[in-house]
Amino acid sequence: MGVSLRTPRLVLREWCEGDAEPFAEMSADHAVMQYLVPFADRAAMDAWVAAARAHWLERGFGQWVVELPGDAPFIGVVGLSNVRFALPFAPAVEAAWRLARPYWGNGYAYEAARAAIDDGFGRLGLGEIVAFTVPANQASRRVMEKLGMTHDPTEDFDFEHPRLPRGHPLRCHVLYRLRRPALGP
């Protein structure tokens, strides 16, 4: 049986075969992708989904599909994954979220990310979880701060992406960190 999480309003579950289509629809929305490197084509989106599913199979955690029970079987993806790139703070586990636009502004990103992070510190026994985004992504930065993550400007970095030229605004990133809370006395 797969791993899933339930929050007061959401279900976070592993991927199913039918999830690639709503993921592609969400990822084709320019507002959703404003602060993310856009996919080159549908094949690249499908490869992202395949990699997310493989991460689950290999590591026992990853990006969950988020459902709003009784309303929508797919509102986005939220979860944890190993940082795949050679970044100054790697190896690390990253918390990330991407929701379809109709579900913005309801606290779903925070609620789902909180559940994923709690699972990471609890079930997975992680000592630290990071998150990063471009400086202009104030909505995600607010979620990071609400989660209790801290930002040290000396750790901000330039992400050398092969499809982004030097100086592109999506290359500069801010890094946030959250350490596992200390257990009682």
C-alpha atoms as a PDB file:
ATOM      1  CA  MET A   1       0.000   0.000   0.000  1.00  0.00           C
ATOM      2  CA  GLY A   2       1.248   3.489  -0.839  1.00  0.00           C
ATOM      3  CA  VAL A   3       2.003   6.278   1.560  1.00  0.00           C
ATOM      4  CA  SER A   4      -0.561   9.053   1.904  1.00  0.00           C
ATOM      5  CA  LEU A   5      -1.212  11.902   4.289  1.00  0.00           C
ATOM      6  CA  ARG A   6      -4.439  13.565   5.338  1.00  0.00           C
ATOM      7  CA  THR A   7      -4.780  17.109   6.621  1.00  0.00           C
ATOM      8  CA  PRO A   8      -8.006  18.773   7.789  1.00  0.00           C
ATOM      9  CA  ARG A   9      -8.846  19.688   4.175  1.00  0.00           C
ATOM     10  CA  LEU A  10      -6.514  17.759   1.885  1.00  0.00           C
ATOM     11  CA  VAL A  11      -5.236  14.336   0.890  1.00  0.00           C
ATOM     12  CA  LEU A  12      -1.627  13.955  -0.224  1.00  0.00           C
ATOM     13  CA  ARG A  13      -1.194  10.730  -2.166  1.00  0.00           C
ATOM     14  CA  GLU A  14       1.199   8.955  -4.478  1.00  0.00           C
ATOM     15  CA  TRP A  15       0.850   9.377  -8.239  1.00  0.00           C
ATOM     16  CA  CYS A  16      -1.660   7.448 -10.370  1.00  0.00           C
ATOM     17  CA  GLU A  17      -1.659   6.899 -14.130  1.00  0.00           C
ATOM     18  CA  GLY A  18      -4.279   9.614 -14.732  1.00  0.00           C
ATOM     19  CA  ASP A  19      -2.314  12.362 -12.967  1.00  0.00           C
ATOM     20  CA  ALA A  20      -0.026  13.277 -15.883  1.00  0.00           C
ATOM     21  CA  GLU A  21      -2.805  15.096 -17.756  1.00  0.00           C
ATOM     22  CA  PRO A  22      -3.879  17.481 -14.958  1.00  0.00           C
ATOM     23  CA  PHE A  23      -0.196  18.057 -14.152  1.00  0.00           C
ATOM     24  CA  ALA A  24       0.394  19.052 -17.790  1.00  0.00           C
ATOM     25  CA  GLU A  25      -2.648  21.350 -17.757  1.00  0.00           C
ATOM     26  CA  MET A  26      -1.447  23.031 -14.558  1.00  0.00           C
ATOM     27  CA  SER A  27       2.105  23.353 -15.902  1.00  0.00           C
ATOM     28  CA  ALA A  28       0.869  24.939 -19.145  1.00  0.00           C
ATOM     29  CA  ASP A  29      -0.527  27.879 -17.147  1.00  0.00           C
ATOM     30  CA  HIS A  30       1.927  30.771 -17.471  1.00  0.00           C
ATOM     31  CA  ALA A  31       0.900  32.160 -14.058  1.00  0.00           C
ATOM     32  CA  VAL A  32       1.703  28.828 -12.375  1.00  0.00           C
ATOM     33  CA  MET A  33       5.080  28.694 -14.127  1.00  0.00           C
ATOM     34  CA  GLN A  34       5.950  32.381 -13.676  1.00  0.00           C
ATOM     35  CA  TYR A  35       8.782  31.620 -11.245  1.00  0.00           C
ATOM     36  CA  LEU A  36       9.721  28.183 -12.577  1.00  0.00           C
ATOM     37  CA  VAL A  37      11.705  27.167 -15.636  1.00  0.00           C
ATOM     38  CA  PRO A  38       9.006  26.244 -18.149  1.00  0.00           C
ATOM     39  CA  PHE A  39       8.956  22.796 -19.682  1.00  0.00           C
ATOM     40  CA  ALA A  40      10.243  22.673 -23.252  1.00  0.00           C
ATOM     41  CA  ASP A  41       7.325  20.477 -24.350  1.00  0.00           C
ATOM     42  CA  ARG A  42       4.835  17.829 -23.224  1.00  0.00           C
ATOM     43  CA  ALA A  43       7.535  15.161 -23.304  1.00  0.00           C
ATOM     44  CA  ALA A  44       9.512  17.165 -20.729  1.00  0.00           C
ATOM     45  CA  MET A  45       6.408  17.393 -18.497  1.00  0.00           C
ATOM     46  CA  ASP A  46       5.868  13.654 -18.776  1.00  0.00           C
ATOM     47  CA  ALA A  47       9.541  13.076 -17.924  1.00  0.00           C
ATOM     48  CA  TRP A  48       9.095  15.213 -14.776  1.00  0.00           C
ATOM     49  CA  VAL A  49       6.127  13.067 -13.717  1.00  0.00           C
ATOM     50  CA  ALA A  50       8.096   9.871 -14.429  1.00  0.00           C
ATOM     51  CA  ALA A  51      11.000  11.186 -12.340  1.00  0.00           C
ATOM     52  CA  ALA A  52       8.619  12.087  -9.486  1.00  0.00           C
ATOM     53  CA  ARG A  53       7.164   8.577  -9.548  1.00  0.00           C
ATOM     54  CA  ALA A  54      10.636   7.010  -9.709  1.00  0.00           C
ATOM     55  CA  HIS A  55      11.757   9.106  -6.719  1.00  0.00           C
ATOM     56  CA  TRP A  56       8.934   7.545  -4.704  1.00  0.00           C
ATOM     57  CA  LEU A  57       9.866   4.016  -5.754  1.00  0.00           C
ATOM     58  CA  GLU A  58      13.576   4.509  -5.032  1.00  0.00           C
ATOM     59  CA  ARG A  59      13.393   6.522  -1.801  1.00  0.00           C
ATOM     60  CA  GLY A  60       9.946   6.030  -0.237  1.00  0.00           C
ATOM     61  CA  PHE A  61       9.084   9.735  -0.385  1.00  0.00           C
ATOM     62  CA  GLY A  62       8.626  12.453  -2.953  1.00  0.00           C
ATOM     63  CA  GLN A  63       6.198  14.906  -4.470  1.00  0.00           C
ATOM     64  CA  TRP A  64       2.613  13.997  -3.599  1.00  0.00           C
ATOM     65  CA  VAL A  65      -0.428  14.685  -5.706  1.00  0.00           C
ATOM     66  CA  VAL A  66      -2.740  16.895  -3.642  1.00  0.00           C
ATOM     67  CA  GLU A  67      -6.495  16.261  -3.668  1.00  0.00           C
ATOM     68  CA  LEU A  68      -9.283  18.413  -2.309  1.00  0.00           C
ATOM     69  CA  PRO A  69     -11.745  15.677  -1.273  1.00  0.00           C
ATOM     70  CA  GLY A  70     -15.221  16.147  -2.649  1.00  0.00           C
ATOM     71  CA  ASP A  71     -14.048  18.943  -4.952  1.00  0.00           C
ATOM     72  CA  ALA A  72     -10.990  18.076  -7.027  1.00  0.00           C
ATOM     73  CA  PRO A  73      -8.877  14.924  -7.442  1.00  0.00           C
ATOM     74  CA  PHE A  74      -5.829  17.030  -8.451  1.00  0.00           C
ATOM     75  CA  ILE A  75      -5.070  20.552  -7.248  1.00  0.00           C
ATOM     76  CA  GLY A  76      -1.300  20.348  -7.517  1.00  0.00           C
ATOM     77  CA  VAL A  77       1.842  18.670  -6.237  1.00  0.00           C
ATOM     78  CA  VAL A  78       3.546  19.193  -2.883  1.00  0.00           C
ATOM     79  CA  GLY A  79       6.243  17.219  -1.162  1.00  0.00           C
ATOM     80  CA  LEU A  80       9.877  16.468  -0.572  1.00  0.00           C
ATOM     81  CA  SER A  81      12.606  15.378  -2.933  1.00  0.00           C
ATOM     82  CA  ASN A  82      16.351  15.056  -3.037  1.00  0.00           C
ATOM     83  CA  VAL A  83      18.005  18.102  -4.596  1.00  0.00           C
ATOM     84  CA  ARG A  84      19.055  16.789  -8.002  1.00  0.00           C
ATOM     85  CA  PHE A  85      21.498  19.499  -8.992  1.00  0.00           C
ATOM     86  CA  ALA A  86      25.040  20.342  -7.909  1.00  0.00           C
ATOM     87  CA  LEU A  87      24.136  23.272  -5.672  1.00  0.00           C
ATOM     88  CA  PRO A  88      26.268  24.734  -2.865  1.00  0.00           C
ATOM     89  CA  PHE A  89      24.075  23.237  -0.113  1.00  0.00           C
ATOM     90  CA  ALA A  90      23.575  19.765  -1.673  1.00  0.00           C
ATOM     91  CA  PRO A  91      23.079  17.032  -0.763  1.00  0.00           C
ATOM     92  CA  ALA A  92      19.787  18.131   0.729  1.00  0.00           C
ATOM     93  CA  VAL A  93      16.075  17.367   0.782  1.00  0.00           C
ATOM     94  CA  GLU A  94      13.869  20.085  -0.659  1.00  0.00           C
ATOM     95  CA  ALA A  95      10.261  20.944   0.128  1.00  0.00           C
ATOM     96  CA  ALA A  96       8.407  22.204  -2.933  1.00  0.00           C
ATOM     97  CA  TRP A  97       4.865  23.030  -3.994  1.00  0.00           C
ATOM     98  CA  ARG A  98       3.002  23.848  -7.175  1.00  0.00           C
ATOM     99  CA  LEU A  99      -0.757  24.377  -7.155  1.00  0.00           C
ATOM    100  CA  ALA A 100      -3.203  25.021  -9.967  1.00  0.00           C
ATOM    101  CA  ARG A 101      -4.262  28.665 -10.017  1.00  0.00           C
ATOM    102  CA  PRO A 102      -7.904  28.136  -8.904  1.00  0.00           C
ATOM    103  CA  TYR A 103      -6.548  26.838  -5.576  1.00  0.00           C
ATOM    104  CA  TRP A 104      -4.219  29.736  -4.755  1.00  0.00           C
ATOM    105  CA  GLY A 105      -4.855  31.922  -1.718  1.00  0.00           C
ATOM    106  CA  ASN A 106      -6.612  29.286   0.405  1.00  0.00           C
ATOM    107  CA  GLY A 107      -3.684  28.134   2.533  1.00  0.00           C
ATOM    108  CA  TYR A 108      -3.454  24.793   0.719  1.00  0.00           C
ATOM    109  CA  ALA A 109       0.267  25.144  -0.110  1.00  0.00           C
ATOM    110  CA  TYR A 110       1.091  25.778   3.544  1.00  0.00           C
ATOM    111  CA  GLU A 111      -1.211  23.017   4.815  1.00  0.00           C
ATOM    112  CA  ALA A 112       0.183  20.408   2.421  1.00  0.00           C
ATOM    113  CA  ALA A 113       3.811  21.506   2.865  1.00  0.00           C
ATOM    114  CA  ARG A 114       3.419  21.408   6.663  1.00  0.00           C
ATOM    115  CA  ALA A 115       2.183  17.801   6.417  1.00  0.00           C
ATOM    116  CA  ALA A 116       5.030  16.834   4.062  1.00  0.00           C
ATOM    117  CA  ILE A 117       7.653  18.451   6.304  1.00  0.00           C
ATOM    118  CA  ASP A 118       6.222  16.836   9.431  1.00  0.00           C
ATOM    119  CA  ASP A 119       6.379  13.476   7.613  1.00  0.00           C
ATOM    120  CA  GLY A 120       9.980  14.204   6.630  1.00  0.00           C
ATOM    121  CA  PHE A 121      11.027  14.945  10.200  1.00  0.00           C
ATOM    122  CA  GLY A 122       8.894  12.136  11.652  1.00  0.00           C
ATOM    123  CA  ARG A 123       8.654   9.065   9.411  1.00  0.00           C
ATOM    124  CA  LEU A 124      11.830   9.813   7.438  1.00  0.00           C
ATOM    125  CA  GLY A 125      13.914  11.134  10.355  1.00  0.00           C
ATOM    126  CA  LEU A 126      15.400  13.989   8.335  1.00  0.00           C
ATOM    127  CA  GLY A 127      17.491  16.511  10.225  1.00  0.00           C
ATOM    128  CA  GLU A 128      16.920  19.430   7.866  1.00  0.00           C
ATOM    129  CA  ILE A 129      14.718  20.413   4.947  1.00  0.00           C
ATOM    130  CA  VAL A 130      15.418  23.274   2.540  1.00  0.00           C
ATOM    131  CA  ALA A 131      13.314  25.259   0.097  1.00  0.00           C
ATOM    132  CA  PHE A 132      14.352  27.743  -2.559  1.00  0.00           C
ATOM    133  CA  THR A 133      12.792  30.076  -5.069  1.00  0.00           C
ATOM    134  CA  VAL A 134      13.518  33.231  -7.012  1.00  0.00           C
ATOM    135  CA  PRO A 135      13.536  36.435  -4.919  1.00  0.00           C
ATOM    136  CA  ALA A 136      10.409  37.810  -6.634  1.00  0.00           C
ATOM    137  CA  ASN A 137       8.236  34.819  -5.652  1.00  0.00           C
ATOM    138  CA  GLN A 138       6.800  36.486  -2.562  1.00  0.00           C
ATOM    139  CA  ALA A 139       3.918  34.000  -2.204  1.00  0.00           C
ATOM    140  CA  SER A 140       6.279  31.028  -1.848  1.00  0.00           C
ATOM    141  CA  ARG A 141       8.588  32.997   0.412  1.00  0.00           C
ATOM    142  CA  ARG A 142       5.628  33.743   2.715  1.00  0.00           C
ATOM    143  CA  VAL A 143       4.826  30.010   2.830  1.00  0.00           C
ATOM    144  CA  MET A 144       8.458  29.241   3.710  1.00  0.00           C
ATOM    145  CA  GLU A 145       8.428  31.802   6.498  1.00  0.00           C
ATOM    146  CA  LYS A 146       5.065  30.600   7.830  1.00  0.00           C
ATOM    147  CA  LEU A 147       6.546  27.084   7.914  1.00  0.00           C
ATOM    148  CA  GLY A 148       9.258  28.444  10.219  1.00  0.00           C
ATOM    149  CA  MET A 149      12.022  28.306   7.626  1.00  0.00           C
ATOM    150  CA  THR A 150      14.818  30.843   7.908  1.00  0.00           C
ATOM    151  CA  HIS A 151      16.664  32.732   5.194  1.00  0.00           C
ATOM    152  CA  ASP A 152      20.321  33.718   5.320  1.00  0.00           C
ATOM    153  CA  PRO A 153      21.114  36.070   2.390  1.00  0.00           C
ATOM    154  CA  THR A 154      24.719  34.824   2.344  1.00  0.00           C
ATOM    155  CA  GLU A 155      23.399  31.446   1.107  1.00  0.00           C
ATOM    156  CA  ASP A 156      21.487  32.820  -1.900  1.00  0.00           C
ATOM    157  CA  PHE A 157      22.775  31.332  -5.136  1.00  0.00           C
ATOM    158  CA  ASP A 158      22.797  31.514  -8.923  1.00  0.00           C
ATOM    159  CA  PHE A 159      21.300  28.351 -10.407  1.00  0.00           C
ATOM    160  CA  GLU A 160      23.095  27.522 -13.635  1.00  0.00           C
ATOM    161  CA  HIS A 161      20.289  26.070 -15.712  1.00  0.00           C
ATOM    162  CA  PRO A 162      21.179  24.961 -19.253  1.00  0.00           C
ATOM    163  CA  ARG A 163      18.126  26.681 -20.762  1.00  0.00           C
ATOM    164  CA  LEU A 164      18.614  29.999 -18.953  1.00  0.00           C
ATOM    165  CA  PRO A 165      21.265  32.517 -20.026  1.00  0.00           C
ATOM    166  CA  ARG A 166      23.514  34.166 -17.455  1.00  0.00           C
ATOM    167  CA  GLY A 167      21.683  37.077 -15.806  1.00  0.00           C
ATOM    168  CA  HIS A 168      18.192  35.604 -16.420  1.00  0.00           C
ATOM    169  CA  PRO A 169      15.894  36.469 -13.456  1.00  0.00           C
ATOM    170  CA  LEU A 170      15.018  32.789 -12.863  1.00  0.00           C
ATOM    171  CA  ARG A 171      18.665  31.913 -12.148  1.00  0.00           C
ATOM    172  CA  CYS A 172      18.997  33.864  -8.894  1.00  0.00           C
ATOM    173  CA  HIS A 173      17.552  31.986  -5.885  1.00  0.00           C
ATOM    174  CA  VAL A 174      17.004  32.510  -2.194  1.00  0.00           C
ATOM    175  CA  LEU A 175      17.536  29.557   0.145  1.00  0.00           C
ATOM    176  CA  TYR A 176      15.472  28.802   3.246  1.00  0.00           C
ATOM    177  CA  ARG A 177      16.259  26.130   5.841  1.00  0.00           C
ATOM    178  CA  LEU A 178      14.312  24.344   8.549  1.00  0.00           C
ATOM    179  CA  ARG A 179      15.943  22.032  11.081  1.00  0.00           C
ATOM    180  CA  ARG A 180      14.064  19.222  12.804  1.00  0.00           C
ATOM    181  CA  PRO A 181      12.678  20.490  16.098  1.00  0.00           C
ATOM    182  CA  ALA A 182      14.475  19.228  19.159  1.00  0.00           C
ATOM    183  CA  LEU A 183      12.590  16.502  20.976  1.00  0.00           C
ATOM    184  CA  GLY A 184      11.616  17.131  24.594  1.00  0.00           C
ATOM    185  CA  PRO A 185      14.055  17.181  27.553  1.00  0.00           C
END
